C-alpha cells in the first residue's frame, strides 16, 4: 500500500508538471510524462477494481451465511467463484504493473496492431440537407461503430460537434486494427433518401454526408516539431453541462507550415484532448504527403470528399426502397436495416474485389 501511496504522490507531481505552459516547448518530455501519467492511472484503476471485487465477494459470503433463500445462495456461490478468478487475474495484473512492466492489455493491443495492419482515422461531416444531414452523420457513425465491434477493432472518439436535434455536424474517430485495408473505399459522399420523422406530408428528403478515411501514421512516420505548431485552449461546447463549459479543456492546434487546423473537445482531460488533436493532425499531414506523391506519379489529384454535394456521390441509401447502391461498382444491396446495424461485409468484399487494383 505504501508503494501505491508513493505512486499517487508521483501522479500529483506529474499533473503539476503537465499544467506548466513552458512544457509545450519540450514535446518529448510532455509525451513521456503523459505516458507515465496514463500508466499510473491504470495502476490506480486496477487497485480500485480489486477492492470492488473483494467487497462483492464479501457481500456474497454474507448471503451464503444467511442461508435464507436456497436459490439466492446458489447464485451467490456461483458468483463467488467467478469473482475469485477475476480477483486473481487483477492481482496478477497489478503485480506486473507495480513491477514496472507494460500493461498486459495494451501490450496485446499493440502486438495485434503490428500483426494486423494499419489503423485509420475516420472523419464524417454533414453535407447538404440541414438537420437531416446531421442525423445521417449519426447513423453512419453508428453503422461504422457496429462494424468495428463485429471486427474486434478498438474505437476511440477524437473530436465531435453534436447537432442540437441529434446526430453530428462532424465527428472524427480512430479505429485500431486491420482497418485501413477494409475501410479505404468508404471515403466519399454518401447520399440518403428517406422520409424524415418530422415530415408530415410523407415527402422523401435527400441529404448527404462526406466520409474521409485517413491512414494513421506509424511512429516516426510523421514528425511534428514543437515550433511548427500553435496550441490554443478554450472552453468545450455541447453535452457535458457546466463542467465542460467552464474549463479550458478543448484544444485547437494550428500547423504553421501548412495552415492545417485541428481540434478536440471530447475528453474532460486537456492533455488527452491535446493527444487526440495531434493524432488527427498527424493523419492529415500523412494524407497530404500521400496525395502529393500521387500527384507526382499520376499528374492529377484524387479527392475523397469534394464539396459534399448531391451529385458528387459514391453511394445512395434509399430507405423507401430498402436499397443501398454503390455507384462506383454499379451494384445494389438490400436490407438497409441490417446494413445500418454494421452488416457491411458483403459491401466491403464487393468493393475490394472490384476496386482493388
Protein backbone atom coordinates (compact mmCIF):
# COMPACT_ATOMS: atom_id res chain seq x y z
CA UNK A 1 0.00 0.00 0.00
CA UNK A 2 2.91 2.33 0.78
CA UNK A 3 4.10 1.76 -2.77
CA UNK A 4 0.70 2.84 -4.11
CA UNK A 5 0.77 5.98 -1.96
CA UNK A 6 4.22 6.83 -3.32
CA UNK A 7 2.85 6.45 -6.85
CA UNK A 8 -0.08 8.73 -6.02
CA UNK A 9 2.34 11.46 -4.96
CA UNK A 10 4.27 10.95 -8.21
CA UNK A 11 0.98 11.24 -10.11
CA UNK A 12 0.22 14.57 -8.43
CA UNK A 13 3.69 15.82 -9.32
CA UNK A 14 3.23 14.81 -12.96
CA UNK A 15 -0.11 16.63 -13.13
CA UNK A 16 1.59 19.76 -11.81
CA UNK A 17 4.33 19.49 -14.44
CA UNK A 18 1.82 18.93 -17.24
CA UNK A 19 -0.01 22.10 -16.19
CA UNK A 20 3.11 24.18 -16.82
CA UNK A 21 2.75 26.03 -20.19
CA UNK A 22 6.54 26.05 -20.60
CA UNK A 23 6.42 22.27 -21.05
CA UNK A 24 5.00 22.82 -24.55
CA UNK A 25 8.50 23.73 -25.74
CA UNK A 26 9.74 20.26 -24.74
CA UNK A 27 7.38 17.99 -26.66
CA UNK A 28 9.29 14.77 -25.98
CA UNK A 29 9.16 15.36 -22.23
CA UNK A 30 5.44 16.13 -22.46
CA UNK A 31 4.77 12.83 -24.25
CA UNK A 32 6.93 10.96 -21.72
CA UNK A 33 5.08 12.49 -18.75
CA UNK A 34 1.68 11.84 -20.34
CA UNK A 35 2.57 8.20 -20.93
CA UNK A 36 3.69 7.84 -17.30
CA UNK A 37 0.50 9.55 -16.09
CA UNK A 38 -1.68 7.11 -18.05
CA UNK A 39 0.38 4.17 -16.75
CA UNK A 40 -0.05 5.25 -13.13
CA UNK A 41 -3.79 5.77 -13.62
CA UNK A 42 -4.03 2.21 -14.93
CA UNK A 43 -2.48 1.03 -11.64
CA UNK A 44 -4.97 3.06 -9.60
CA UNK A 45 -7.91 1.77 -11.67
CA UNK A 46 -6.75 -1.84 -11.21
CA UNK A 47 -6.35 -1.35 -7.46
CA UNK A 48 -9.86 0.12 -7.25
CA UNK A 49 -11.30 -2.78 -9.25
CA UNK A 50 -9.61 -5.28 -6.89
CA UNK A 51 -11.15 -3.51 -3.90
CA UNK A 52 -14.62 -3.52 -5.51
CA UNK A 53 -14.26 -7.21 -6.38
CA UNK A 54 -13.29 -8.05 -2.77
CA UNK A 55 -16.37 -6.19 -1.50
CA UNK A 56 -18.63 -8.16 -3.86
CA UNK A 57 -17.09 -11.42 -2.64
CA UNK A 58 -17.82 -10.44 0.99
CA UNK A 59 -21.41 -9.50 0.09
CA UNK A 60 -21.95 -12.92 -1.48
CA UNK A 61 -20.42 -14.63 1.59
CA UNK A 62 -22.98 -12.83 3.78
CA UNK A 63 -25.79 -14.10 1.55
CA UNK A 64 -24.44 -17.66 1.82
CA UNK A 65 -24.02 -17.49 5.60
CA UNK A 66 -27.59 -16.21 5.95
CA UNK A 67 -28.92 -19.22 4.05
CA UNK A 68 -32.47 -17.85 3.89
CA UNK A 69 -33.11 -18.32 0.15
CA UNK A 70 -31.62 -21.53 -1.37
CA UNK A 71 -31.85 -20.16 -4.91
CA UNK A 72 -30.13 -16.93 -3.92
CA UNK A 73 -27.44 -18.89 -2.05
CA UNK A 74 -26.79 -20.99 -5.16
CA UNK A 75 -26.41 -17.85 -7.30
CA UNK A 76 -24.08 -16.31 -4.72
CA UNK A 77 -21.87 -19.42 -4.65
CA UNK A 78 -21.54 -19.38 -8.44
CA UNK A 79 -20.77 -15.67 -8.50
CA UNK A 80 -18.10 -16.01 -5.80
CA UNK A 81 -16.17 -18.47 -7.95
CA UNK A 82 -16.23 -16.03 -10.89
CA UNK A 83 -15.24 -13.10 -8.68
CA UNK A 84 -12.37 -15.02 -7.13
CA UNK A 85 -10.98 -15.84 -10.57
CA UNK A 86 -11.35 -12.19 -11.55
CA UNK A 87 -9.58 -11.13 -8.36
CA UNK A 88 -6.63 -13.44 -9.07
CA UNK A 89 -6.29 -12.05 -12.60
CA UNK A 90 -6.49 -8.43 -11.37
CA UNK A 91 -3.90 -9.04 -8.65
CA UNK A 92 -1.58 -10.61 -11.22
CA UNK A 93 -2.00 -7.58 -13.49
CA UNK A 94 -1.40 -5.19 -10.59
CA UNK A 95 1.76 -7.01 -9.54
CA UNK A 96 3.01 -6.81 -13.11
CA UNK A 97 2.26 -3.08 -13.28
CA UNK A 98 3.86 -2.37 -9.90
CA UNK A 99 7.00 -4.15 -11.09
CA UNK A 100 7.21 -1.63 -13.91
CA UNK A 101 6.07 -3.99 -16.67
CA UNK A 102 3.94 -2.98 -19.61
CA UNK A 103 0.17 -3.10 -19.20
CA UNK A 104 -0.75 -6.62 -20.49
CA UNK A 105 -3.87 -5.38 -22.28
CA UNK A 106 -2.05 -2.55 -24.04
CA UNK A 107 0.81 -4.87 -24.98
CA UNK A 108 -1.70 -7.28 -26.51
CA UNK A 109 -3.36 -4.45 -28.41
CA UNK A 110 -0.01 -3.15 -29.68
CA UNK A 111 1.05 -6.60 -30.86
CA UNK A 112 -2.30 -7.07 -32.56
CA UNK A 113 -1.88 -3.81 -34.44
CA UNK A 114 1.60 -4.76 -35.58
CA UNK A 115 0.40 -8.09 -36.94
CA UNK A 116 -2.95 -6.97 -38.32
CA UNK A 117 -2.17 -3.87 -40.34
CA UNK A 118 -2.76 -0.13 -40.45
CA UNK A 119 -5.23 1.71 -38.23
CA UNK A 120 -7.34 4.57 -39.59
CA UNK A 121 -8.90 7.87 -38.60
CA UNK A 122 -12.42 8.38 -39.91
CA UNK A 123 -13.95 11.82 -40.41
CA UNK A 124 -17.69 12.18 -41.12
CA UNK A 125 -19.22 15.59 -41.90
CA UNK A 126 -22.76 16.72 -42.63
CA UNK A 127 -23.24 17.93 -46.20
CA UNK A 128 -26.42 19.24 -47.80
CA UNK A 129 -29.77 18.62 -46.17
CA UNK A 130 -29.78 20.58 -42.91
CA UNK A 131 -30.84 18.73 -39.78
CA UNK A 132 -31.42 15.50 -41.69
CA UNK A 133 -27.78 15.53 -42.84
CA UNK A 134 -26.62 15.75 -39.20
CA UNK A 135 -28.87 12.82 -38.30
CA UNK A 136 -27.39 10.86 -41.21
CA UNK A 137 -23.87 11.53 -39.87
CA UNK A 138 -25.02 9.95 -36.59
CA UNK A 139 -26.41 6.96 -38.49
CA UNK A 140 -23.14 6.45 -40.41
CA UNK A 141 -21.14 6.74 -37.19
CA UNK A 142 -23.33 4.10 -35.57
CA UNK A 143 -23.01 1.86 -38.67
CA UNK A 144 -19.20 2.02 -38.63
CA UNK A 145 -19.14 1.58 -34.84
CA UNK A 146 -21.15 -1.62 -35.10
CA UNK A 147 -18.99 -2.84 -37.99
CA UNK A 148 -15.86 -2.14 -35.93
CA UNK A 149 -17.36 -4.03 -32.99
CA UNK A 150 -18.06 -7.02 -35.23
CA UNK A 151 -14.45 -6.93 -36.47
CA UNK A 152 -12.95 -6.63 -33.00
CA UNK A 153 -11.48 -3.18 -33.73
CA UNK A 154 -10.99 -0.62 -30.97
CA UNK A 155 -12.82 2.70 -31.41
CA UNK A 156 -11.74 5.99 -29.87
CA UNK A 157 -13.55 9.28 -30.42
CA UNK A 158 -11.17 12.15 -31.18
CA UNK A 159 -13.49 15.09 -31.80
CA UNK A 160 -17.15 15.81 -32.46
CA UNK A 161 -19.63 18.64 -32.96
CA UNK A 162 -23.05 17.35 -31.84
CA UNK A 163 -26.17 18.78 -33.51
CA UNK A 164 -28.98 20.09 -31.36
CA UNK A 165 -31.60 17.79 -32.90
CA UNK A 166 -29.40 14.69 -32.60
CA UNK A 167 -26.61 13.37 -34.75
CA UNK A 168 -23.46 15.36 -35.50
CA UNK A 169 -22.32 18.23 -37.67
CA UNK A 170 -18.97 16.42 -37.66
CA UNK A 171 -17.36 13.51 -35.84
CA UNK A 172 -13.78 12.18 -36.01
CA UNK A 173 -12.77 8.84 -34.53
CA UNK A 174 -9.91 6.36 -34.63
CA UNK A 175 -10.26 2.66 -35.44
CA UNK A 176 -7.37 0.43 -34.36
CA UNK A 177 -6.61 -2.90 -36.01
CA UNK A 178 -6.53 -4.10 -39.61
CA UNK A 179 -8.75 -1.16 -40.51
CA UNK A 180 -7.47 0.85 -43.46
CA UNK A 181 -7.43 -2.13 -45.82
CA UNK A 182 -11.14 -2.65 -45.19
CA UNK A 183 -12.28 0.96 -44.80
CA UNK A 184 -10.30 2.72 -47.54
CA UNK A 185 -13.15 2.60 -50.07
CA UNK A 186 -15.67 4.22 -47.70
CA UNK A 187 -14.23 7.66 -48.44
CA UNK A 188 -16.53 9.90 -50.46
CA UNK A 189 -20.00 11.43 -50.42
CA UNK A 190 -22.83 9.27 -49.07
CA UNK A 191 -26.39 10.23 -50.01
CA UNK A 192 -29.53 9.24 -48.12
CA UNK A 193 -33.12 9.30 -49.36
CA UNK A 194 -35.83 8.83 -46.74
CA UNK A 195 -38.91 10.39 -45.13
CA UNK A 196 -37.88 12.36 -42.02
CA UNK A 197 -39.93 11.78 -38.86
CA UNK A 198 -40.89 15.46 -38.88
CA UNK A 199 -42.18 15.30 -42.49
CA UNK A 200 -45.97 15.13 -42.16
CA UNK A 201 -46.68 15.07 -45.91
CA UNK A 202 -44.56 11.94 -46.45
CA UNK A 203 -42.17 13.70 -48.82
CA UNK A 204 -38.85 11.94 -49.41
CA UNK A 205 -35.92 14.07 -48.28
CA UNK A 206 -32.42 13.86 -49.77
CA UNK A 207 -29.30 14.78 -47.81
CA UNK A 208 -25.60 13.98 -47.84
CA UNK A 209 -22.64 13.34 -45.59
CA UNK A 210 -18.96 13.13 -46.52
CA UNK A 211 -16.63 10.44 -45.21
CA UNK A 212 -12.83 10.66 -45.23
CA UNK A 213 -10.68 7.67 -44.32
CA UNK A 214 -7.14 8.61 -43.31
CA UNK A 215 -4.39 6.08 -42.61
CA UNK A 216 -2.98 6.58 -39.12
CA UNK A 217 0.77 7.21 -39.28
CA UNK A 218 3.04 4.80 -37.51
CA UNK A 219 5.61 6.10 -35.05
CA UNK A 220 8.39 8.16 -36.67
CA UNK A 221 6.42 8.27 -39.96
CA UNK A 222 5.32 11.86 -39.32
CA UNK A 223 7.46 14.12 -37.15
CA UNK A 224 5.91 17.35 -35.85
CA UNK A 225 8.33 19.87 -34.33
CA UNK A 226 7.13 21.92 -31.34
CA UNK A 227 7.96 25.20 -33.09
CA UNK A 228 5.75 24.21 -36.06
CA UNK A 229 2.52 24.24 -34.09
CA UNK A 230 0.43 26.77 -32.21
CA UNK A 231 -1.75 25.34 -29.41
CA UNK A 232 -4.83 27.15 -28.05
CA UNK A 233 -7.09 26.05 -25.20
CA UNK A 234 -10.74 27.07 -24.95
CA UNK A 235 -14.00 26.07 -23.27
CA UNK A 236 -15.68 22.98 -24.65
CA UNK A 237 -19.18 23.22 -26.05
CA UNK A 238 -22.02 20.72 -26.33
CA UNK A 239 -23.08 17.98 -23.90
CA UNK A 240 -21.45 17.83 -20.50
CA UNK A 241 -23.20 20.53 -18.51
CA UNK A 242 -21.47 23.31 -16.64
CA UNK A 243 -18.22 21.36 -16.22
CA UNK A 244 -17.11 21.43 -19.86
CA UNK A 245 -18.32 24.99 -20.38
CA UNK A 246 -16.26 26.43 -17.50
CA UNK A 247 -12.93 24.68 -18.02
CA UNK A 248 -10.49 25.23 -20.88
CA UNK A 249 -10.26 21.57 -21.82
CA UNK A 250 -10.84 21.89 -25.58
CA UNK A 251 -7.72 22.10 -27.74
CA UNK A 252 -7.03 23.74 -31.09
CA UNK A 253 -3.75 23.04 -32.87
CA UNK A 254 -2.58 25.05 -35.88
CA UNK A 255 0.19 23.56 -38.02
CA UNK A 256 2.04 26.71 -39.10
CA UNK A 257 3.83 25.37 -42.22
CA UNK A 258 0.60 24.09 -43.83
CA UNK A 259 -2.12 26.14 -42.12
CA UNK A 260 -3.96 22.97 -41.09
CA UNK A 261 -6.18 23.48 -38.03
CA UNK A 262 -7.50 20.58 -35.92
CA UNK A 263 -9.49 20.50 -32.68
CA UNK A 264 -10.55 18.07 -29.97
CA UNK A 265 -13.02 18.54 -27.14
CA UNK A 266 -14.39 15.04 -26.48
CA UNK A 267 -12.45 14.45 -23.24
CA UNK A 268 -12.60 16.25 -19.89
CA UNK A 269 -8.81 15.98 -19.76
CA UNK A 270 -6.96 18.79 -21.54
CA UNK A 271 -3.89 16.62 -22.11
CA UNK A 272 -5.90 13.81 -23.67
CA UNK A 273 -7.64 16.28 -25.98
CA UNK A 274 -4.19 17.53 -27.00
CA UNK A 275 -3.12 13.99 -27.84
CA UNK A 276 -6.34 13.41 -29.80
CA UNK A 277 -5.80 16.60 -31.81
CA UNK A 278 -2.21 15.58 -32.55
CA UNK A 279 -3.43 12.20 -33.85
CA UNK A 280 -5.81 13.98 -36.23
CA UNK A 281 -3.08 16.38 -37.36
CA UNK A 282 -0.59 13.56 -37.99
CA UNK A 283 -3.16 11.68 -40.10
CA UNK A 284 -3.96 14.77 -42.17
CA UNK A 285 -0.28 15.52 -42.73
CA UNK A 286 0.27 11.93 -43.87
CA UNK A 287 -2.71 12.25 -46.24
CA UNK A 288 -1.19 15.41 -47.72
CA UNK A 289 2.12 13.62 -48.15
CA UNK A 290 0.48 10.65 -49.89
CA UNK A 291 -1.60 12.95 -52.11
CA UNK A 292 1.49 14.93 -53.09
CA UNK A 293 3.32 11.74 -54.02
CA UNK A 294 0.34 10.52 -56.05
CA UNK A 295 0.20 13.84 -57.90
CA UNK A 296 3.82 13.46 -58.91
CA UNK A 297 3.15 9.95 -60.21
CA UNK A 298 -0.22 10.40 -61.90
CA UNK A 299 -0.26 14.15 -62.56
CA UNK A 300 -3.71 14.55 -61.03
CA UNK A 301 -5.28 14.57 -57.60
CA UNK A 302 -7.98 12.16 -56.47
CA UNK A 303 -10.09 13.60 -53.67
CA UNK A 304 -12.40 11.74 -51.34
CA UNK A 305 -14.66 14.49 -50.09
CA UNK A 306 -15.22 17.07 -52.83
CA UNK A 307 -17.83 19.65 -51.75
CA UNK A 308 -20.27 17.11 -50.32
CA UNK A 309 -22.96 17.98 -52.88
CA UNK A 310 -25.63 15.56 -54.00
CA UNK A 311 -24.10 14.98 -57.44
CA UNK A 312 -20.69 14.01 -56.05
CA UNK A 313 -21.85 10.75 -54.56
CA UNK A 314 -20.31 7.31 -54.25
CA UNK A 315 -23.28 5.66 -52.57
CA UNK A 316 -27.03 6.13 -52.05
CA UNK A 317 -29.05 4.77 -49.13
CA UNK A 318 -32.66 4.61 -50.35
CA UNK A 319 -34.87 3.76 -47.37
CA UNK A 320 -38.30 3.71 -49.12
CA UNK A 321 -36.94 1.04 -51.49
CA UNK A 322 -34.81 -0.67 -48.78
CA UNK A 323 -31.78 -0.45 -51.07
CA UNK A 324 -28.15 0.67 -50.91
CA UNK A 325 -26.48 1.37 -54.24
CA UNK A 326 -22.74 1.84 -54.65
CA UNK A 327 -22.36 3.87 -57.83
CA UNK A 328 -18.68 3.05 -58.38
CA UNK A 329 -19.33 -0.65 -58.91
CA UNK A 330 -22.96 -0.15 -60.07
CA UNK A 331 -24.25 -2.69 -57.59
CA UNK A 332 -27.20 -2.63 -55.17
CA UNK A 333 -27.69 -4.32 -51.80
CA UNK A 334 -30.91 -4.79 -49.84
CA UNK A 335 -31.86 -5.00 -46.15
CA UNK A 336 -30.82 -1.50 -45.14
CA UNK A 337 -31.73 -2.11 -41.50
CA UNK A 338 -29.03 -4.78 -41.22
CA UNK A 339 -26.52 -2.67 -43.17
CA UNK A 340 -27.05 0.32 -40.88
CA UNK A 341 -26.53 -2.04 -37.96
CA UNK A 342 -22.99 -2.73 -39.16
CA UNK A 343 -23.51 -5.68 -41.53
CA UNK A 344 -21.08 -4.33 -44.14
CA UNK A 345 -19.08 -7.44 -45.03
CA UNK A 346 -20.84 -8.11 -48.34
CA UNK A 347 -20.42 -4.50 -49.47
CA UNK A 348 -16.77 -4.24 -48.37
CA UNK A 349 -15.92 -7.53 -50.10
CA UNK A 350 -17.54 -6.36 -53.34
CA UNK A 351 -15.58 -3.10 -53.23
CA UNK A 352 -12.30 -4.94 -52.54
CA UNK A 353 -12.96 -7.27 -55.46
CA UNK A 354 -13.91 -4.57 -57.97
CA UNK A 355 -11.82 -1.56 -56.90
CA UNK A 356 -8.62 -3.12 -55.59
CA UNK A 357 -6.21 -2.89 -58.49
